[in-house]
């Protein structure tokens, strides 16, 4: 197991990091991590794992998505300050 350093201002409790990423992405006109393409791909993978488990056959994932850009290092945003 590799220990990863905290870089985004949420060292104790990670709640709010996803929302902070979404707000930052919207304000900077880019896709956030919880976008529709990624959600569909995750669902496709999970259902494919279930189908593969039930059938005993390999499942070839039909969907694909772009890898989201990383959250800006060192950028901490308080979502309540935006509202």
Protein backbone atom coordinates (compact mmCIF):
# COMPACT_ATOMS: atom_id res chain seq x y z
CA UNK A 1 0.00 0.00 0.00
CA UNK A 2 1.31 3.42 -0.96
CA UNK A 3 0.53 6.44 1.21
CA UNK A 4 -0.52 9.50 -0.78
CA UNK A 5 -0.16 13.05 0.55
CA UNK A 6 -3.17 15.34 0.86
CA UNK A 7 -2.80 18.21 -1.60
CA UNK A 8 -6.21 19.90 -1.78
CA UNK A 9 -6.92 21.37 1.63
CA UNK A 10 -9.13 18.52 2.85
CA UNK A 11 -6.78 16.48 5.04
CA UNK A 12 -9.12 15.58 7.91
CA UNK A 13 -12.52 15.05 6.32
CA UNK A 14 -12.90 14.66 2.56
CA UNK A 15 -16.55 15.62 2.48
CA UNK A 16 -16.99 18.51 0.14
CA UNK A 17 -14.04 17.71 -2.12
CA UNK A 18 -16.32 16.40 -4.90
CA UNK A 19 -18.52 19.46 -4.65
CA UNK A 20 -15.47 21.71 -4.64
CA UNK A 21 -14.22 19.99 -7.81
CA UNK A 22 -17.64 20.40 -9.44
CA UNK A 23 -17.81 24.11 -8.58
CA UNK A 24 -14.23 24.70 -9.78
CA UNK A 25 -14.97 22.85 -13.03
CA UNK A 26 -18.15 24.82 -13.70
CA UNK A 27 -16.42 28.13 -12.98
CA UNK A 28 -13.52 27.16 -15.29
CA UNK A 29 -15.64 25.66 -18.08
CA UNK A 30 -14.40 22.07 -17.86
CA UNK A 31 -16.00 18.72 -17.02
CA UNK A 32 -16.16 17.78 -13.37
CA UNK A 33 -15.29 14.31 -12.11
CA UNK A 34 -18.90 13.30 -11.49
CA UNK A 35 -19.90 13.87 -15.12
CA UNK A 36 -22.46 11.85 -17.07
CA UNK A 37 -19.94 10.00 -19.27
CA UNK A 38 -17.94 8.76 -16.29
CA UNK A 39 -21.11 7.75 -14.42
CA UNK A 40 -22.34 5.76 -17.44
CA UNK A 41 -18.95 4.05 -17.82
CA UNK A 42 -18.84 3.10 -14.13
CA UNK A 43 -22.36 1.67 -14.39
CA UNK A 44 -21.36 -0.27 -17.54
CA UNK A 45 -18.33 -1.75 -15.74
CA UNK A 46 -20.32 -2.69 -12.63
CA UNK A 47 -23.15 -4.31 -14.60
CA UNK A 48 -20.57 -6.04 -16.77
CA UNK A 49 -18.92 -7.51 -13.68
CA UNK A 50 -22.29 -8.78 -12.49
CA UNK A 51 -23.11 -10.28 -15.91
CA UNK A 52 -19.68 -11.88 -16.14
CA UNK A 53 -20.05 -13.36 -12.67
CA UNK A 54 -23.45 -14.82 -13.50
CA UNK A 55 -22.51 -16.17 -16.95
CA UNK A 56 -18.92 -17.20 -16.24
CA UNK A 57 -17.85 -15.45 -19.45
CA UNK A 58 -15.65 -12.42 -20.07
CA UNK A 59 -17.39 -9.10 -20.47
CA UNK A 60 -16.03 -6.54 -22.90
CA UNK A 61 -16.90 -3.04 -21.75
CA UNK A 62 -18.92 -1.23 -24.40
CA UNK A 63 -18.56 2.29 -23.02
CA UNK A 64 -15.59 4.59 -22.74
CA UNK A 65 -14.97 8.01 -21.24
CA UNK A 66 -12.28 10.63 -21.05
CA UNK A 67 -10.22 10.64 -17.88
CA UNK A 68 -11.21 13.71 -15.87
CA UNK A 69 -8.58 16.39 -15.35
CA UNK A 70 -7.13 16.29 -11.84
CA UNK A 71 -8.36 18.73 -9.26
CA UNK A 72 -6.02 21.73 -9.13
CA UNK A 73 -3.26 20.93 -6.62
CA UNK A 74 -3.33 23.04 -3.51
CA UNK A 75 -6.69 24.56 -4.45
CA UNK A 76 -9.07 24.50 -1.53
CA UNK A 77 -12.48 26.00 -2.07
CA UNK A 78 -15.26 26.42 0.44
CA UNK A 79 -18.47 25.67 -1.49
CA UNK A 80 -20.46 27.83 0.94
CA UNK A 81 -18.45 30.90 -0.10
CA UNK A 82 -19.72 30.51 -3.69
CA UNK A 83 -23.42 30.44 -2.81
